[in-house]
């Protein structure tokens, strides 16, 4: 019997966090935009940056070809505009003087 190895899907993790926090639909493009700009539906932003761990966010950013500095700026924008909060991301953003 062959055991199929499950691969980790950071997009599915982001969708799960967002869908647990909001009834508004979310798309892959929405996630990309939030990671790149820190803009979007407030509940989606709070769930993405507040409930998804830094490692997964970094994997998502890499998947969408978003560099760490841009991710840090997006988090700071979301923190400022919709009160997204994540202590790991605060430390991460501080590395970039964001």
N, C-alpha and C. Protein backbone atom coordinates (compact mmCIF):
# COMPACT_ATOMS: atom_id res chain seq x y z
N UNK A 1 0.85 -1.17 0.00
CA UNK A 1 0.00 0.00 0.00
C UNK A 1 0.90 1.24 0.00
N UNK A 2 0.59 2.17 -0.84
CA UNK A 2 1.35 3.40 -0.94
C UNK A 2 0.64 4.49 -0.16
N UNK A 3 1.40 5.20 0.63
CA UNK A 3 0.84 6.31 1.39
C UNK A 3 1.14 7.59 0.62
N UNK A 4 0.11 8.32 0.32
CA UNK A 4 0.29 9.58 -0.40
C UNK A 4 0.68 10.66 0.59
N UNK A 5 1.75 11.32 0.29
CA UNK A 5 2.20 12.40 1.15
C UNK A 5 1.37 13.64 0.85
N UNK A 6 0.89 14.26 1.90
CA UNK A 6 0.11 15.47 1.74
C UNK A 6 1.09 16.64 1.67
N UNK A 7 0.87 17.51 0.73
CA UNK A 7 1.72 18.68 0.66
C UNK A 7 0.99 19.86 1.29
N UNK A 8 1.74 20.70 1.92
CA UNK A 8 1.20 21.87 2.59
C UNK A 8 0.80 22.90 1.54
N UNK A 9 -0.40 23.42 1.63
CA UNK A 9 -0.90 24.42 0.68
C UNK A 9 -1.14 25.73 1.42
N UNK A 10 -0.21 26.69 1.30
CA UNK A 10 -0.38 27.95 2.02
C UNK A 10 -1.61 28.74 1.58
N UNK A 11 -2.02 28.60 0.32
CA UNK A 11 -3.22 29.30 -0.15
C UNK A 11 -4.45 28.75 0.57
N UNK A 12 -4.53 27.44 0.71
CA UNK A 12 -5.66 26.83 1.41
C UNK A 12 -5.69 27.27 2.87
N UNK A 13 -4.52 27.42 3.48
CA UNK A 13 -4.44 27.88 4.86
C UNK A 13 -4.98 29.31 4.97
N UNK A 14 -4.58 30.18 4.03
CA UNK A 14 -5.08 31.55 4.03
C UNK A 14 -6.59 31.59 3.82
N UNK A 15 -7.08 30.82 2.86
CA UNK A 15 -8.52 30.77 2.61
C UNK A 15 -9.27 30.32 3.87
N UNK A 16 -8.76 29.31 4.53
CA UNK A 16 -9.41 28.79 5.73
C UNK A 16 -9.51 29.87 6.81
N UNK A 17 -8.41 30.57 7.06
CA UNK A 17 -8.42 31.63 8.07
C UNK A 17 -9.41 32.72 7.71
N UNK A 18 -9.41 33.13 6.46
CA UNK A 18 -10.30 34.21 6.02
C UNK A 18 -11.75 33.76 6.06
N UNK A 19 -12.02 32.55 5.58
CA UNK A 19 -13.41 32.06 5.56
C UNK A 19 -13.95 31.83 6.97
N UNK A 20 -13.08 31.57 7.94
CA UNK A 20 -13.52 31.44 9.33
C UNK A 20 -13.90 32.78 9.93
N UNK A 21 -13.40 33.87 9.36
CA UNK A 21 -13.63 35.20 9.91
C UNK A 21 -14.67 36.01 9.13
N UNK A 22 -15.02 35.57 7.94
CA UNK A 22 -15.88 36.40 7.09
C UNK A 22 -16.74 35.54 6.19
N UNK A 23 -17.91 36.04 5.90
CA UNK A 23 -18.78 35.35 4.93
C UNK A 23 -18.56 35.87 3.52
N UNK A 24 -17.81 36.95 3.38
CA UNK A 24 -17.51 37.51 2.06
C UNK A 24 -16.55 36.58 1.33
N UNK A 25 -16.80 36.35 0.05
CA UNK A 25 -15.93 35.45 -0.71
C UNK A 25 -14.52 36.04 -0.86
N UNK A 26 -13.55 35.16 -0.99
CA UNK A 26 -12.17 35.56 -1.19
C UNK A 26 -11.59 34.74 -2.34
N UNK A 27 -10.75 35.36 -3.14
CA UNK A 27 -10.13 34.67 -4.26
C UNK A 27 -8.62 34.67 -4.09
N UNK A 28 -7.98 33.88 -4.89
CA UNK A 28 -6.52 33.82 -4.90
C UNK A 28 -5.94 35.20 -5.20
N UNK A 29 -6.54 35.90 -6.13
CA UNK A 29 -6.08 37.25 -6.49
C UNK A 29 -6.26 38.21 -5.31
N UNK A 30 -7.33 38.05 -4.54
CA UNK A 30 -7.53 38.88 -3.33
C UNK A 30 -6.38 38.67 -2.35
N UNK A 31 -6.00 37.41 -2.15
CA UNK A 31 -4.91 37.10 -1.23
C UNK A 31 -3.61 37.74 -1.74
N UNK A 32 -3.34 37.60 -3.01
CA UNK A 32 -2.14 38.20 -3.59
C UNK A 32 -2.12 39.71 -3.36
N UNK A 33 -3.24 40.36 -3.62
CA UNK A 33 -3.33 41.82 -3.45
C UNK A 33 -3.13 42.22 -1.99
N UNK A 34 -3.73 41.48 -1.08
CA UNK A 34 -3.57 41.81 0.34
C UNK A 34 -2.11 41.68 0.77
N UNK A 35 -1.44 40.64 0.30
CA UNK A 35 -0.03 40.44 0.65
C UNK A 35 0.87 41.50 0.02
N UNK A 36 0.45 42.01 -1.10
CA UNK A 36 1.27 42.98 -1.83
C UNK A 36 1.02 44.42 -1.39
N UNK A 37 -0.23 44.72 -1.01
CA UNK A 37 -0.57 46.12 -0.74
C UNK A 37 -1.11 46.38 0.65
N UNK A 38 -1.59 45.35 1.32
CA UNK A 38 -2.22 45.56 2.62
C UNK A 38 -3.60 46.17 2.50
N UNK A 39 -4.19 46.08 1.32
CA UNK A 39 -5.54 46.63 1.12
C UNK A 39 -6.50 45.50 0.78
N UNK A 40 -7.78 45.75 1.08
CA UNK A 40 -8.81 44.76 0.81
C UNK A 40 -9.88 44.81 1.87
N UNK A 41 -10.70 43.80 1.90
CA UNK A 41 -11.78 43.69 2.88
C UNK A 41 -11.16 43.68 4.28
N UNK A 42 -11.61 44.56 5.18
CA UNK A 42 -11.02 44.64 6.51
C UNK A 42 -11.00 43.31 7.28
N UNK A 43 -12.09 42.55 7.23
CA UNK A 43 -12.09 41.28 7.96
C UNK A 43 -11.13 40.28 7.33
N UNK A 44 -10.98 40.33 6.02
CA UNK A 44 -10.03 39.46 5.35
C UNK A 44 -8.60 39.80 5.76
N UNK A 45 -8.31 41.09 5.79
CA UNK A 45 -6.96 41.53 6.18
C UNK A 45 -6.63 41.14 7.61
N UNK A 46 -7.57 41.37 8.51
CA UNK A 46 -7.32 41.01 9.92
C UNK A 46 -7.10 39.51 10.07
N UNK A 47 -7.88 38.71 9.35
CA UNK A 47 -7.71 37.25 9.43
C UNK A 47 -6.39 36.82 8.80
N UNK A 48 -6.08 37.34 7.64
CA UNK A 48 -4.85 36.94 6.96
C UNK A 48 -3.62 37.29 7.79
N UNK A 49 -3.53 38.54 8.22
CA UNK A 49 -2.34 38.97 8.94
C UNK A 49 -2.39 38.64 10.43
N UNK A 50 -3.56 38.39 10.97
CA UNK A 50 -3.67 38.09 12.39
C UNK A 50 -3.69 36.61 12.72
N UNK A 51 -4.23 35.79 11.82
CA UNK A 51 -4.43 34.37 12.13
C UNK A 51 -3.47 33.43 11.40
N UNK A 52 -2.84 33.90 10.34
CA UNK A 52 -1.93 33.06 9.57
C UNK A 52 -0.51 33.35 10.06
N UNK A 53 0.24 32.30 10.38
CA UNK A 53 1.57 32.50 10.95
C UNK A 53 2.55 33.06 9.92
N UNK A 54 3.62 33.65 10.44
CA UNK A 54 4.61 34.31 9.60
C UNK A 54 5.21 33.38 8.56
N UNK A 55 5.53 32.16 8.95
CA UNK A 55 6.13 31.21 8.01
C UNK A 55 5.21 30.98 6.81
N UNK A 56 3.93 30.80 7.07
CA UNK A 56 2.97 30.57 5.99
C UNK A 56 2.82 31.82 5.13
N UNK A 57 2.78 32.99 5.76
CA UNK A 57 2.69 34.24 4.99
C UNK A 57 3.91 34.41 4.08
N UNK A 58 5.08 34.06 4.58
CA UNK A 58 6.29 34.15 3.75
C UNK A 58 6.23 33.17 2.58
N UNK A 59 5.70 31.98 2.83
CA UNK A 59 5.54 31.00 1.73
C UNK A 59 4.54 31.52 0.70
N UNK A 60 3.45 32.12 1.19
CA UNK A 60 2.47 32.69 0.27
C UNK A 60 3.10 33.80 -0.56
N UNK A 61 3.83 34.69 0.10
CA UNK A 61 4.47 35.79 -0.61
C UNK A 61 5.42 35.25 -1.68
N UNK A 62 6.21 34.25 -1.34
CA UNK A 62 7.12 33.66 -2.33
C UNK A 62 6.35 33.05 -3.50
N UNK A 63 5.24 32.41 -3.20
CA UNK A 63 4.40 31.83 -4.24
C UNK A 63 3.93 32.88 -5.24
N UNK A 64 3.64 34.09 -4.73
CA UNK A 64 3.17 35.18 -5.57
C UNK A 64 4.29 36.12 -6.01
N UNK A 65 5.55 35.73 -5.77
CA UNK A 65 6.73 36.52 -6.14
C UNK A 65 6.72 37.91 -5.47
N UNK A 66 6.33 37.93 -4.21
CA UNK A 66 6.31 39.16 -3.42
C UNK A 66 7.49 39.09 -2.46
N UNK A 67 8.35 40.12 -2.48
CA UNK A 67 9.53 40.10 -1.62
C UNK A 67 9.15 40.43 -0.17
N UNK A 68 10.08 40.14 0.73
CA UNK A 68 9.81 40.32 2.16
C UNK A 68 9.55 41.77 2.54
N UNK A 69 10.24 42.70 1.93
CA UNK A 69 10.03 44.12 2.23
C UNK A 69 8.60 44.54 1.86
N UNK A 70 8.13 44.08 0.72
CA UNK A 70 6.77 44.40 0.28
C UNK A 70 5.75 43.78 1.22
N UNK A 71 5.98 42.54 1.64
CA UNK A 71 5.10 41.88 2.60
C UNK A 71 5.06 42.67 3.91
N UNK A 72 6.21 43.11 4.38
CA UNK A 72 6.27 43.89 5.62
C UNK A 72 5.49 45.19 5.49
N UNK A 73 5.65 45.87 4.37
CA UNK A 73 4.90 47.12 4.14
C UNK A 73 3.41 46.87 4.08
N UNK A 74 3.00 45.77 3.46
CA UNK A 74 1.58 45.44 3.37
C UNK A 74 1.01 45.20 4.77
N UNK A 75 1.76 44.49 5.60
CA UNK A 75 1.29 44.26 6.97
C UNK A 75 1.16 45.57 7.72
N UNK A 76 2.14 46.44 7.61
CA UNK A 76 2.09 47.73 8.31
C UNK A 76 0.88 48.53 7.84
N UNK A 77 0.60 48.50 6.53
CA UNK A 77 -0.57 49.21 6.01
C UNK A 77 -1.85 48.62 6.59
N UNK A 78 -1.94 47.30 6.65
CA UNK A 78 -3.13 46.64 7.21
C UNK A 78 -3.25 46.92 8.71
N UNK A 79 -2.13 46.95 9.39
CA UNK A 79 -2.14 47.25 10.83
C UNK A 79 -2.66 48.67 11.06
N UNK A 80 -2.21 49.58 10.23
CA UNK A 80 -2.60 50.99 10.36
C UNK A 80 -4.07 51.23 9.98
N UNK A 81 -4.54 50.59 8.93
CA UNK A 81 -5.88 50.89 8.44
C UNK A 81 -7.00 50.05 9.04
N UNK A 82 -6.70 48.78 9.37
CA UNK A 82 -7.78 47.91 9.87
C UNK A 82 -7.43 47.22 11.19
N UNK A 83 -6.35 47.65 11.81
CA UNK A 83 -5.92 47.12 13.10
C UNK A 83 -5.57 45.63 13.06
N UNK A 84 -5.00 45.18 11.95
CA UNK A 84 -4.47 43.82 11.89
C UNK A 84 -3.35 43.74 12.91
N UNK A 85 -3.29 42.67 13.67
CA UNK A 85 -2.28 42.57 14.72
C UNK A 85 -1.64 41.20 14.75
N UNK A 86 -0.30 41.19 14.79
CA UNK A 86 0.45 39.95 14.84
C UNK A 86 1.85 40.28 15.34
N UNK A 87 2.19 39.81 16.53
CA UNK A 87 3.49 40.15 17.12
C UNK A 87 4.66 39.63 16.28
N UNK A 88 4.51 38.46 15.66
CA UNK A 88 5.57 37.95 14.78
C UNK A 88 5.79 38.90 13.61
N UNK A 89 4.70 39.39 13.04
CA UNK A 89 4.82 40.31 11.91
C UNK A 89 5.34 41.67 12.34
N UNK A 90 5.04 42.09 13.56
CA UNK A 90 5.61 43.35 14.06
C UNK A 90 7.14 43.25 14.06
N UNK A 91 7.67 42.14 14.56
CA UNK A 91 9.12 41.94 14.58
C UNK A 91 9.67 41.84 13.16
N UNK A 92 8.97 41.11 12.31
CA UNK A 92 9.39 40.96 10.91
C UNK A 92 9.44 42.31 10.23
N UNK A 93 8.40 43.12 10.38
CA UNK A 93 8.34 44.44 9.74
C UNK A 93 9.42 45.37 10.27
N UNK A 94 9.76 45.24 11.54
CA UNK A 94 10.79 46.09 12.13
C UNK A 94 12.14 45.91 11.46
N UNK A 95 12.39 44.73 10.92
CA UNK A 95 13.64 44.47 10.20
C UNK A 95 13.80 45.36 8.99
N UNK A 96 12.67 45.83 8.46
CA UNK A 96 12.68 46.64 7.24
C UNK A 96 12.34 48.10 7.55
N UNK A 97 12.39 48.45 8.84
CA UNK A 97 12.05 49.80 9.28
C UNK A 97 10.67 50.20 8.79
N UNK A 98 9.76 49.23 8.75
CA UNK A 98 8.39 49.49 8.27
C UNK A 98 7.49 49.84 9.44
